[in-house]
Amino acid sequence: MPAVVVTSQPLMITGSDVFYALNSSVSRDLGSTWSPLTPQPGFERWSIDNRTEETICDFTPAWHQASGKLLGTGQTVRYFDNKVMKVRQPLHSEFHLRCQRKRVESAPHTKDA
């Protein structure tokens, strides 16, 4: 039976979307039961400087049949004092892979948009 993976992020909506760490849950019985939401290491906010942080948002997992891996894409967003920066430069696409059989995950990787 295939595994089903759902991702979720705590979100504060205060005029702009403020995202926090990416979490995931897995079902091995087509959605009858789910594992607890688990924070994903490497997908928390990371510091750029004392007042600026960056994280991934709009993360979407998808099964890649040819490689047999779960891939995920999203984009980065930067916050200054917990508010989305007006000029979001540099903007990066993020990707991540998960090998279900080996239960191995890669760290997020950045690709310039």
PDB file of N, CA and C in Angstrom:
ATOM      1  N   MET A   1       0.848  -1.171   0.000  1.00  0.00           N
ATOM      2  CA  MET A   1       0.000   0.000   0.000  1.00  0.00           C
ATOM      3  C   MET A   1       0.900   1.243   0.000  1.00  0.00           C
ATOM      4  N   PRO A   2       0.592   2.231  -0.830  1.00  0.00           N
ATOM      5  CA  PRO A   2       1.441   3.421  -0.879  1.00  0.00           C
ATOM      6  C   PRO A   2       1.292   4.285   0.366  1.00  0.00           C
ATOM      7  N   ALA A   3       2.336   5.036   0.656  1.00  0.00           N
ATOM      8  CA  ALA A   3       2.285   6.017   1.744  1.00  0.00           C
ATOM      9  C   ALA A   3       1.700   7.313   1.189  1.00  0.00           C
ATOM     10  N   VAL A   4       0.986   8.036   2.033  1.00  0.00           N
ATOM     11  CA  VAL A   4       0.439   9.343   1.686  1.00  0.00           C
ATOM     12  C   VAL A   4       1.072  10.351   2.639  1.00  0.00           C
ATOM     13  N   VAL A   5       1.575  11.454   2.094  1.00  0.00           N
ATOM     14  CA  VAL A   5       2.249  12.466   2.905  1.00  0.00           C
ATOM     15  C   VAL A   5       1.520  13.798   2.746  1.00  0.00           C
ATOM     16  N   VAL A   6       1.282  14.462   3.870  1.00  0.00           N
ATOM     17  CA  VAL A   6       0.670  15.791   3.887  1.00  0.00           C
ATOM     18  C   VAL A   6       1.637  16.720   4.604  1.00  0.00           C
ATOM     19  N   THR A   7       1.801  17.938   4.070  1.00  0.00           N
ATOM     20  CA  THR A   7       2.619  18.932   4.751  1.00  0.00           C
ATOM     21  C   THR A   7       1.731  20.065   5.252  1.00  0.00           C
ATOM     22  N   SER A   8       2.199  20.717   6.306  1.00  0.00           N
ATOM     23  CA  SER A   8       1.435  21.789   6.933  1.00  0.00           C
ATOM     24  C   SER A   8       2.419  22.758   7.579  1.00  0.00           C
ATOM     25  N   GLN A   9       2.029  24.028   7.646  1.00  0.00           N
ATOM     26  CA  GLN A   9       2.843  25.031   8.324  1.00  0.00           C
ATOM     27  C   GLN A   9       1.955  25.905   9.187  1.00  0.00           C
ATOM     28  N   PRO A  10       2.357  26.152  10.433  1.00  0.00           N
ATOM     29  CA  PRO A  10       1.644  27.174  11.193  1.00  0.00           C
ATOM     30  C   PRO A  10       1.744  28.495  10.432  1.00  0.00           C
ATOM     31  N   LEU A  11       0.668  29.248  10.444  1.00  0.00           N
ATOM     32  CA  LEU A  11       0.593  30.479   9.664  1.00  0.00           C
ATOM     33  C   LEU A  11      -0.092  31.556  10.486  1.00  0.00           C
ATOM     34  N   MET A  12       0.519  32.727  10.539  1.00  0.00           N
ATOM     35  CA  MET A  12      -0.098  33.871  11.195  1.00  0.00           C
ATOM     36  C   MET A  12      -0.482  34.849  10.083  1.00  0.00           C
ATOM     37  N   ILE A  13      -1.769  35.160   9.970  1.00  0.00           N
ATOM     38  CA  ILE A  13      -2.232  36.072   8.932  1.00  0.00           C
ATOM     39  C   ILE A  13      -2.543  37.414   9.588  1.00  0.00           C
ATOM     40  N   THR A  14      -1.694  38.383   9.301  1.00  0.00           N
ATOM     41  CA  THR A  14      -1.836  39.714   9.911  1.00  0.00           C
ATOM     42  C   THR A  14      -1.604  40.786   8.857  1.00  0.00           C
ATOM     43  N   GLY A  15      -2.218  40.652   7.718  1.00  0.00           N
ATOM     44  CA  GLY A  15      -1.978  41.578   6.622  1.00  0.00           C
ATOM     45  C   GLY A  15      -0.991  40.996   5.627  1.00  0.00           C
ATOM     46  N   SER A  16      -0.065  40.194   6.102  1.00  0.00           N
ATOM     47  CA  SER A  16       0.799  39.413   5.222  1.00  0.00           C
ATOM     48  C   SER A  16       0.962  38.039   5.851  1.00  0.00           C
ATOM     49  N   ASP A  17       1.192  37.058   5.018  1.00  0.00           N
ATOM     50  CA  ASP A  17       1.325  35.684   5.511  1.00  0.00           C
ATOM     51  C   ASP A  17       2.673  35.507   6.198  1.00  0.00           C
ATOM     52  N   VAL A  18       2.649  35.040   7.436  1.00  0.00           N
ATOM     53  CA  VAL A  18       3.866  34.794   8.204  1.00  0.00           C
ATOM     54  C   VAL A  18       3.932  33.294   8.475  1.00  0.00           C
ATOM     55  N   PHE A  19       4.856  32.618   7.806  1.00  0.00           N
ATOM     56  CA  PHE A  19       4.988  31.167   7.900  1.00  0.00           C
ATOM     57  C   PHE A  19       6.003  30.765   8.948  1.00  0.00           C
ATOM     58  N   TYR A  20       5.782  29.593   9.511  1.00  0.00           N
ATOM     59  CA  TYR A  20       6.696  29.008  10.487  1.00  0.00           C
ATOM     60  C   TYR A  20       7.141  27.643   9.979  1.00  0.00           C
ATOM     61  N   ALA A  21       7.729  26.806  10.818  1.00  0.00           N
ATOM     62  CA  ALA A  21       8.351  25.545  10.409  1.00  0.00           C
ATOM     63  C   ALA A  21       7.389  24.629   9.656  1.00  0.00           C
ATOM     64  N   LEU A  22       7.935  23.935   8.674  1.00  0.00           N
ATOM     65  CA  LEU A  22       7.179  22.952   7.903  1.00  0.00           C
ATOM     66  C   LEU A  22       7.039  21.667   8.718  1.00  0.00           C
ATOM     67  N   ASN A  23       5.841  21.094   8.714  1.00  0.00           N
ATOM     68  CA  ASN A  23       5.551  19.830   9.403  1.00  0.00           C
ATOM     69  C   ASN A  23       5.004  18.838   8.385  1.00  0.00           C
ATOM     70  N   SER A  24       5.091  17.555   8.697  1.00  0.00           N
ATOM     71  CA  SER A  24       4.491  16.551   7.815  1.00  0.00           C
ATOM     72  C   SER A  24       3.826  15.460   8.636  1.00  0.00           C
ATOM     73  N   SER A  25       2.885  14.798   7.981  1.00  0.00           N
ATOM     74  CA  SER A  25       2.185  13.659   8.560  1.00  0.00           C
ATOM     75  C   SER A  25       2.116  12.588   7.482  1.00  0.00           C
ATOM     76  N   VAL A  26       2.217  11.322   7.888  1.00  0.00           N
ATOM     77  CA  VAL A  26       2.232  10.205   6.941  1.00  0.00           C
ATOM     78  C   VAL A  26       1.114   9.223   7.283  1.00  0.00           C
ATOM     79  N   SER A  27       0.442   8.738   6.234  1.00  0.00           N
ATOM     80  CA  SER A  27      -0.538   7.660   6.380  1.00  0.00           C
ATOM     81  C   SER A  27      -0.061   6.473   5.552  1.00  0.00           C
ATOM     82  N   ARG A  28      -0.113   5.306   6.128  1.00  0.00           N
ATOM     83  CA  ARG A  28       0.279   4.087   5.405  1.00  0.00           C
ATOM     84  C   ARG A  28      -0.937   3.200   5.104  1.00  0.00           C
ATOM     85  N   ASP A  29      -2.141   3.758   5.357  1.00  0.00           N
ATOM     86  CA  ASP A  29      -3.380   2.997   5.096  1.00  0.00           C
ATOM     87  C   ASP A  29      -4.383   3.856   4.317  1.00  0.00           C
ATOM     88  N   LEU A  30      -3.845   4.652   3.386  1.00  0.00           N
ATOM     89  CA  LEU A  30      -4.645   5.504   2.497  1.00  0.00           C
ATOM     90  C   LEU A  30      -5.533   6.489   3.242  1.00  0.00           C
ATOM     91  N   GLY A  31      -5.058   7.002   4.370  1.00  0.00           N
ATOM     92  CA  GLY A  31      -5.750   8.071   5.072  1.00  0.00           C
ATOM     93  C   GLY A  31      -6.647   7.654   6.213  1.00  0.00           C
ATOM     94  N   SER A  32      -6.735   6.365   6.527  1.00  0.00           N
ATOM     95  CA  SER A  32      -7.553   5.941   7.675  1.00  0.00           C
ATOM     96  C   SER A  32      -6.936   6.414   8.986  1.00  0.00           C
ATOM     97  N   THR A  33      -5.619   6.346   9.065  1.00  0.00           N
ATOM     98  CA  THR A  33      -4.909   6.845  10.245  1.00  0.00           C
ATOM     99  C   THR A  33      -3.716   7.660   9.774  1.00  0.00           C
ATOM    100  N   TRP A  34      -3.277   8.594  10.641  1.00  0.00           N
ATOM    101  CA  TRP A  34      -2.170   9.484  10.309  1.00  0.00           C
ATOM    102  C   TRP A  34      -1.181   9.549  11.461  1.00  0.00           C
ATOM    103  N   SER A  35       0.092   9.705  11.127  1.00  0.00           N
ATOM    104  CA  SER A  35       1.104   9.952  12.162  1.00  0.00           C
ATOM    105  C   SER A  35       0.902  11.373  12.679  1.00  0.00           C
ATOM    106  N   PRO A  36       1.417  11.670  13.873  1.00  0.00           N
ATOM    107  CA  PRO A  36       1.333  13.056  14.368  1.00  0.00           C
ATOM    108  C   PRO A  36       2.088  14.002  13.430  1.00  0.00           C
ATOM    109  N   LEU A  37       1.639  15.246  13.350  1.00  0.00           N
ATOM    110  CA  LEU A  37       2.398  16.253  12.603  1.00  0.00           C
ATOM    111  C   LEU A  37       3.775  16.385  13.239  1.00  0.00           C
ATOM    112  N   THR A  38       4.809  16.279  12.424  1.00  0.00           N
ATOM    113  CA  THR A  38       6.180  16.284  12.906  1.00  0.00           C
ATOM    114  C   THR A  38       6.960  17.399  12.225  1.00  0.00           C
ATOM    115  N   PRO A  39       7.600  18.283  12.999  1.00  0.00           N
ATOM    116  CA  PRO A  39       8.437  19.318  12.377  1.00  0.00           C
ATOM    117  C   PRO A  39       9.555  18.676  11.553  1.00  0.00           C
ATOM    118  N   GLN A  40       9.856  19.268  10.406  1.00  0.00           N
ATOM    119  CA  GLN A  40      10.895  18.743   9.532  1.00  0.00           C
ATOM    120  C   GLN A  40      12.195  19.516   9.747  1.00  0.00           C
ATOM    121  N   PRO A  41      13.251  18.829  10.202  1.00  0.00           N
ATOM    122  CA  PRO A  41      14.539  19.498  10.430  1.00  0.00           C
ATOM    123  C   PRO A  41      15.020  20.188   9.154  1.00  0.00           C
ATOM    124  N   GLY A  42      15.537  21.372   9.302  1.00  0.00           N
ATOM    125  CA  GLY A  42      16.021  22.129   8.157  1.00  0.00           C
ATOM    126  C   GLY A  42      14.964  23.021   7.535  1.00  0.00           C
ATOM    127  N   PHE A  43      13.703  22.864   7.970  1.00  0.00           N
ATOM    128  CA  PHE A  43      12.621  23.659   7.415  1.00  0.00           C
ATOM    129  C   PHE A  43      12.054  24.642   8.429  1.00  0.00           C
ATOM    130  N   GLU A  44      12.851  24.978   9.433  1.00  0.00           N
ATOM    131  CA  GLU A  44      12.466  26.039  10.345  1.00  0.00           C
ATOM    132  C   GLU A  44      12.952  27.346   9.710  1.00  0.00           C
ATOM    133  N   ARG A  45      12.644  28.461  10.341  1.00  0.00           N
ATOM    134  CA  ARG A  45      13.217  29.723   9.882  1.00  0.00           C
ATOM    135  C   ARG A  45      14.705  29.723  10.187  1.00  0.00           C
ATOM    136  N   TRP A  46      15.464  30.363   9.329  1.00  0.00           N
ATOM    137  CA  TRP A  46      16.890  30.522   9.598  1.00  0.00           C
ATOM    138  C   TRP A  46      17.223  32.012   9.580  1.00  0.00           C
ATOM    139  N   SER A  47      18.197  32.405  10.384  1.00  0.00           N
ATOM    140  CA  SER A  47      18.560  33.812  10.545  1.00  0.00           C
ATOM    141  C   SER A  47      19.440  34.285   9.397  1.00  0.00           C
ATOM    142  N   ILE A  48      19.124  35.471   8.912  1.00  0.00           N
ATOM    143  CA  ILE A  48      19.969  36.156   7.940  1.00  0.00           C
ATOM    144  C   ILE A  48      20.843  37.155   8.706  1.00  0.00           C
ATOM    145  N   ASP A  49      20.225  37.874   9.643  1.00  0.00           N
ATOM    146  CA  ASP A  49      20.932  38.758  10.572  1.00  0.00           C
ATOM    147  C   ASP A  49      20.059  38.869  11.826  1.00  0.00           C
ATOM    148  N   ASN A  50      20.364  39.799  12.710  1.00  0.00           N
ATOM    149  CA  ASN A  50      19.640  39.902  13.989  1.00  0.00           C
ATOM    150  C   ASN A  50      18.147  40.167  13.842  1.00  0.00           C
ATOM    151  N   ARG A  51      17.721  40.794  12.744  1.00  0.00           N
ATOM    152  CA  ARG A  51      16.316  41.158  12.591  1.00  0.00           C
ATOM    153  C   ARG A  51      15.664  40.525  11.364  1.00  0.00           C
ATOM    154  N   THR A  52      16.426  39.775  10.596  1.00  0.00           N
ATOM    155  CA  THR A  52      15.910  39.200   9.349  1.00  0.00           C
ATOM    156  C   THR A  52      15.979  37.681   9.402  1.00  0.00           C
ATOM    157  N   GLU A  53      14.863  37.034   9.005  1.00  0.00           N
ATOM    158  CA  GLU A  53      14.795  35.571   8.934  1.00  0.00           C
ATOM    159  C   GLU A  53      14.238  35.162   7.581  1.00  0.00           C
ATOM    160  N   GLU A  54      14.488  33.911   7.224  1.00  0.00           N
ATOM    161  CA  GLU A  54      13.997  33.367   5.968  1.00  0.00           C
ATOM    162  C   GLU A  54      13.441  31.976   6.236  1.00  0.00           C
ATOM    163  N   THR A  55      12.459  31.571   5.451  1.00  0.00           N
ATOM    164  CA  THR A  55      11.925  30.213   5.539  1.00  0.00           C
ATOM    165  C   THR A  55      11.356  29.820   4.185  1.00  0.00           C
ATOM    166  N   ILE A  56      10.948  28.585   4.081  1.00  0.00           N
ATOM    167  CA  ILE A  56      10.292  28.097   2.874  1.00  0.00           C
ATOM    168  C   ILE A  56       8.779  28.230   3.072  1.00  0.00           C
ATOM    169  N   CYS A  57       8.060  28.518   1.989  1.00  0.00           N
ATOM    170  CA  CYS A  57       6.606  28.580   2.060  1.00  0.00           C
ATOM    171  C   CYS A  57       6.033  27.972   0.778  1.00  0.00           C
ATOM    172  N   ASP A  58       4.728  27.766   0.766  1.00  0.00           N
ATOM    173  CA  ASP A  58       4.035  27.184  -0.393  1.00  0.00           C
ATOM    174  C   ASP A  58       4.669  25.862  -0.808  1.00  0.00           C
ATOM    175  N   PHE A  59       5.082  25.070   0.176  1.00  0.00           N
ATOM    176  CA  PHE A  59       5.745  23.788  -0.083  1.00  0.00           C
ATOM    177  C   PHE A  59       4.728  22.763  -0.560  1.00  0.00           C
ATOM    178  N   THR A  60       5.052  22.081  -1.647  1.00  0.00           N
ATOM    179  CA  THR A  60       4.152  21.080  -2.226  1.00  0.00           C
ATOM    180  C   THR A  60       4.921  19.794  -2.496  1.00  0.00           C
ATOM    181  N   PRO A  61       4.554  18.687  -1.834  1.00  0.00           N
ATOM    182  CA  PRO A  61       5.197  17.407  -2.129  1.00  0.00           C
ATOM    183  C   PRO A  61       4.545  16.738  -3.339  1.00  0.00           C
ATOM    184  N   ALA A  62       5.334  15.962  -4.079  1.00  0.00           N
ATOM    185  CA  ALA A  62       4.806  15.203  -5.225  1.00  0.00           C
ATOM    186  C   ALA A  62       5.663  13.955  -5.422  1.00  0.00           C
ATOM    187  N   TRP A  63       5.020  12.861  -5.747  1.00  0.00           N
ATOM    188  CA  TRP A  63       5.716  11.603  -6.001  1.00  0.00           C
ATOM    189  C   TRP A  63       6.348  11.659  -7.384  1.00  0.00           C
ATOM    190  N   HIS A  64       7.630  11.325  -7.479  1.00  0.00           N
ATOM    191  CA  HIS A  64       8.349  11.283  -8.750  1.00  0.00           C
ATOM    192  C   HIS A  64       8.550   9.819  -9.126  1.00  0.00           C
ATOM    193  N   GLN A  65       7.699   9.334 -10.001  1.00  0.00           N
ATOM    194  CA  GLN A  65       7.651   7.907 -10.348  1.00  0.00           C
ATOM    195  C   GLN A  65       8.998   7.404 -10.870  1.00  0.00           C
ATOM    196  N   ALA A  66       9.647   8.167 -11.745  1.00  0.00           N
ATOM    197  CA  ALA A  66      10.890   7.701 -12.372  1.00  0.00           C
ATOM    198  C   ALA A  66      12.000   7.447 -11.354  1.00  0.00           C
ATOM    199  N   SER A  67      12.087   8.274 -10.319  1.00  0.00           N
ATOM    200  CA  SER A  67      13.155   8.118  -9.335  1.00  0.00           C
ATOM    201  C   SER A  67      12.711   7.320  -8.109  1.00  0.00           C
ATOM    202  N   GLY A  68      11.392   7.160  -7.944  1.00  0.00           N
ATOM    203  CA  GLY A  68      10.887   6.474  -6.758  1.00  0.00           C
ATOM    204  C   GLY A  68      11.065   7.295  -5.496  1.00  0.00           C
ATOM    205  N   LYS A  69      11.072   8.621  -5.647  1.00  0.00           N
ATOM    206  CA  LYS A  69      11.281   9.508  -4.495  1.00  0.00           C
ATOM    207  C   LYS A  69      10.152  10.522  -4.385  1.00  0.00           C
ATOM    208  N   LEU A  70       9.925  10.957  -3.156  1.00  0.00           N
ATOM    209  CA  LEU A  70       8.989  12.037  -2.906  1.00  0.00           C
ATOM    210  C   LEU A  70       9.778  13.336  -2.989  1.00  0.00           C
ATOM    211  N   LEU A  71       9.394  14.196  -3.908  1.00  0.00           N
ATOM    212  CA  LEU A  71      10.058  15.485  -4.082  1.00  0.00           C
ATOM    213  C   LEU A  71       9.142  16.579  -3.578  1.00  0.00           C
ATOM    214  N   GLY A  72       9.707  17.690  -3.194  1.00  0.00           N
ATOM    215  CA  GLY A  72       8.896  18.817  -2.762  1.00  0.00           C
ATOM    216  C   GLY A  72       9.493  20.108  -3.260  1.00  0.00           C
ATOM    217  N   THR A  73       8.637  21.047  -3.624  1.00  0.00           N
ATOM    218  CA  THR A  73       9.099  22.357  -4.060  1.00  0.00           C
ATOM    219  C   THR A  73       8.344  23.441  -3.306  1.00  0.00           C
ATOM    220  N   GLY A  74       8.925  24.602  -3.247  1.00  0.00           N
ATOM    221  CA  GLY A  74       8.316  25.764  -2.623  1.00  0.00           C
ATOM    222  C   GLY A  74       9.165  26.968  -2.955  1.00  0.00           C
ATOM    223  N   GLN A  75       8.991  28.042  -2.226  1.00  0.00           N
ATOM    224  CA  GLN A  75       9.834  29.212  -2.423  1.00  0.00           C
ATOM    225  C   GLN A  75      10.220  29.776  -1.074  1.00  0.00           C
ATOM    226  N   THR A  76      11.232  30.621  -1.090  1.00  0.00           N
ATOM    227  CA  THR A  76      11.657  31.240   0.153  1.00  0.00           C
ATOM    228  C   THR A  76      10.934  32.567   0.345  1.00  0.00           C
ATOM    229  N   VAL A  77      10.800  32.951   1.599  1.00  0.00           N
ATOM    230  CA  VAL A  77      10.242  34.254   1.956  1.00  0.00           C
ATOM    231  C   VAL A  77      11.080  34.799   3.103  1.00  0.00           C
ATOM    232  N   ARG A  78      11.350  36.111   3.071  1.00  0.00           N
ATOM    233  CA  ARG A  78      12.142  36.753   4.125  1.00  0.00           C
ATOM    234  C   ARG A  78      11.266  37.667   4.964  1.00  0.00           C
ATOM    235  N   TYR A  79      11.596  37.692   6.259  1.00  0.00           N
ATOM    236  CA  TYR A  79      10.878  38.532   7.228  1.00  0.00           C
ATOM    237  C   TYR A  79      11.862  39.460   7.909  1.00  0.00           C
ATOM    238  N   PHE A  80      11.468  40.721   8.067  1.00  0.00           N
ATOM    239  CA  PHE A  80      12.214  41.699   8.845  1.00  0.00           C
ATOM    240  C   PHE A  80      11.336  42.064  10.027  1.00  0.00           C
ATOM    241  N   ASP A  81      11.794  41.780  11.240  1.00  0.00           N
ATOM    242  CA  ASP A  81      10.983  41.964  12.445  1.00  0.00           C
ATOM    243  C   ASP A  81       9.623  41.273  12.321  1.00  0.00           C
ATOM    244  N   ASN A  82       9.629  40.072  11.785  1.00  0.00           N
ATOM    245  CA  ASN A  82       8.451  39.209  11.647  1.00  0.00           C
ATOM    246  C   ASN A  82       7.405  39.752  10.667  1.00  0.00           C
ATOM    247  N   LYS A  83       7.824  40.594   9.736  1.00  0.00           N
ATOM    248  CA  LYS A  83       6.941  41.093   8.677  1.00  0.00           C
ATOM    249  C   LYS A  83       7.596  40.775   7.338  1.00  0.00           C
ATOM    250  N   VAL A  84       6.774  40.363   6.357  1.00  0.00           N
ATOM    251  CA  VAL A  84       7.304  40.049   5.037  1.00  0.00           C
ATOM    252  C   VAL A  84       8.008  41.283   4.477  1.00  0.00           C
ATOM    253  N   MET A  85       9.211  41.076   3.968  1.00  0.00           N
ATOM    254  CA  MET A  85       9.960  42.186   3.380  1.00  0.00           C
ATOM    255  C   MET A  85       9.292  42.616   2.082  1.00  0.00           C
ATOM    256  N   LYS A  86       9.216  43.916   1.854  1.00  0.00           N
ATOM    257  CA  LYS A  86       8.571  44.437   0.649  1.00  0.00           C
ATOM    258  C   LYS A  86       9.316  44.010  -0.604  1.00  0.00           C
ATOM    259  N   VAL A  87      10.631  44.063  -0.567  1.00  0.00           N
ATOM    260  CA  VAL A  87      11.433  43.582  -1.687  1.00  0.00           C
ATOM    261  C   VAL A  87      11.979  42.226  -1.272  1.00  0.00           C
ATOM    262  N   ARG A  88      11.434  41.180  -1.879  1.00  0.00           N
ATOM    263  CA  ARG A  88      11.815  39.826  -1.471  1.00  0.00           C
ATOM    264  C   ARG A  88      12.940  39.319  -2.371  1.00  0.00           C
ATOM    265  N   GLN A  89      14.089  39.931  -2.222  1.00  0.00           N
ATOM    266  CA  GLN A  89      15.242  39.514  -2.992  1.00  0.00           C
ATOM    267  C   GLN A  89      16.280  38.948  -2.042  1.00  0.00           C
ATOM    268  N   PRO A  90      17.004  37.950  -2.354  1.00  0.00           N
ATOM    269  CA  PRO A  90      16.790  37.159  -3.554  1.00  0.00           C
ATOM    270  C   PRO A  90      15.643  36.182  -3.343  1.00  0.00           C
ATOM    271  N   LEU A  91      14.924  35.877  -4.400  1.00  0.00           N
ATOM    272  CA  LEU A  91      13.846  34.886  -4.368  1.00  0.00           C
ATOM    273  C   LEU A  91      14.426  33.576  -4.865  1.00  0.00           C
ATOM    274  N   HIS A  92      14.218  32.521  -4.111  1.00  0.00           N
ATOM    275  CA  HIS A  92      14.745  31.213  -4.490  1.00  0.00           C
ATOM    276  C   HIS A  92      13.617  30.200  -4.536  1.00  0.00           C
ATOM    277  N   SER A  93      13.765  29.236  -5.410  1.00  0.00           N
ATOM    278  CA  SER A  93      12.930  28.044  -5.355  1.00  0.00           C
ATOM    279  C   SER A  93      13.635  27.070  -4.434  1.00  0.00           C
ATOM    280  N   GLU A  94      12.873  26.311  -3.676  1.00  0.00           N
ATOM    281  CA  GLU A  94      13.444  25.320  -2.773  1.00  0.00           C
ATOM    282  C   GLU A  94      13.006  23.940  -3.242  1.00  0.00           C
ATOM    283  N   PHE A  95      13.855  22.964  -3.041  1.00  0.00           N
ATOM    284  CA  PHE A  95      13.450  21.593  -3.318  1.00  0.00           C
ATOM    285  C   PHE A  95      14.033  20.669  -2.271  1.00  0.00           C
ATOM    286  N   HIS A  96      13.425  19.531  -2.156  1.00  0.00           N
ATOM    287  CA  HIS A  96      13.723  18.586  -1.088  1.00  0.00           C
ATOM    288  C   HIS A  96      13.383  17.204  -1.612  1.00  0.00           C
ATOM    289  N   LEU A  97      14.084  16.188  -1.183  1.00  0.00           N
ATOM    290  CA  LEU A  97      13.687  14.848  -1.582  1.00  0.00           C
ATOM    291  C   LEU A  97      13.648  13.916  -0.392  1.00  0.00           C
ATOM    292  N   ARG A  98      12.828  12.903  -0.526  1.00  0.00           N
ATOM    293  CA  ARG A  98      12.659  11.915   0.535  1.00  0.00           C
ATOM    294  C   ARG A  98      12.617  10.545  -0.117  1.00  0.00           C
ATOM    295  N   CYS A  99      13.455   9.663   0.337  1.00  0.00           N
ATOM    296  CA  CYS A  99      13.466   8.295  -0.148  1.00  0.00           C
ATOM    297  C   CYS A  99      12.682   7.457   0.854  1.00  0.00           C
ATOM    298  N   GLN A 100      11.475   7.071   0.510  1.00  0.00           N
ATOM    299  CA  GLN A 100      10.575   6.395   1.438  1.00  0.00           C
ATOM    300  C   GLN A 100      11.127   5.038   1.883  1.00  0.00           C
ATOM    301  N   ARG A 101      11.677   4.285   0.952  1.00  0.00           N
ATOM    302  CA  ARG A 101      12.159   2.948   1.307  1.00  0.00           C
ATOM    303  C   ARG A 101      13.294   2.987   2.318  1.00  0.00           C
ATOM    304  N   LYS A 102      14.198   3.952   2.172  1.00  0.00           N
ATOM    305  CA  LYS A 102      15.338   4.047   3.074  1.00  0.00           C
ATOM    306  C   LYS A 102      15.066   4.983   4.246  1.00  0.00           C
ATOM    307  N   ARG A 103      13.921   5.650   4.233  1.00  0.00           N
ATOM    308  CA  ARG A 103      13.549   6.599   5.292  1.00  0.00           C
ATOM    309  C   ARG A 103      14.639   7.670   5.453  1.00  0.00           C
ATOM    310  N   VAL A 104      15.137   8.155   4.329  1.00  0.00           N
ATOM    311  CA  VAL A 104      16.196   9.160   4.320  1.00  0.00           C
ATOM    312  C   VAL A 104      15.642  10.430   3.698  1.00  0.00           C
ATOM    313  N   GLU A 105      15.998  11.564   4.272  1.00  0.00           N
ATOM    314  CA  GLU A 105      15.571  12.836   3.720  1.00  0.00           C
ATOM    315  C   GLU A 105      16.782  13.705   3.507  1.00  0.00           C
ATOM    316  N   SER A 106      16.715  14.528   2.482  1.00  0.00           N
ATOM    317  CA  SER A 106      17.791  15.491   2.245  1.00  0.00           C
ATOM    318  C   SER A 106      17.444  16.793   2.932  1.00  0.00           C
ATOM    319  N   ALA A 107      18.445  17.607   3.141  1.00  0.00           N
ATOM    320  CA  ALA A 107      18.206  18.980   3.603  1.00  0.00           C
ATOM    321  C   ALA A 107      17.600  19.763   2.447  1.00  0.00           C
ATOM    322  N   PRO A 108      16.920  20.859   2.744  1.00  0.00           N
ATOM    323  CA  PRO A 108      16.408  21.672   1.643  1.00  0.00           C
ATOM    324  C   PRO A 108      17.553  22.251   0.812  1.00  0.00           C
ATOM    325  N   HIS A 109      17.357  22.368  -0.469  1.00  0.00           N
ATOM    326  CA  HIS A 109      18.353  22.925  -1.390  1.00  0.00           C
ATOM    327  C   HIS A 109      17.740  24.140  -2.071  1.00  0.00           C
ATOM    328  N   THR A 110      18.549  25.135  -2.322  1.00  0.00           N
ATOM    329  CA  THR A 110      18.090  26.365  -2.970  1.00  0.00           C
ATOM    330  C   THR A 110      18.538  26.396  -4.417  1.00  0.00           C
ATOM    331  N   LYS A 111      17.634  26.831  -5.276  1.00  0.00           N
ATOM    332  CA  LYS A 111      17.942  27.049  -6.688  1.00  0.00           C
ATOM    333  C   LYS A 111      17.494  28.457  -7.010  1.00  0.00           C
ATOM    334  N   ASP A 112      18.385  29.298  -7.538  1.00  0.00           N
ATOM    335  CA  ASP A 112      18.007  30.667  -7.871  1.00  0.00           C
ATOM    336  C   ASP A 112      16.853  30.660  -8.862  1.00  0.00           C
ATOM    337  N   ALA A 113      15.859  31.530  -8.586  1.00  0.00           N
ATOM    338  CA  ALA A 113      14.675  31.596  -9.463  1.00  0.00           C
ATOM    339  C   ALA A 113      14.980  32.402 -10.699  1.00  0.00           C
TER     340      ALA A 113
END
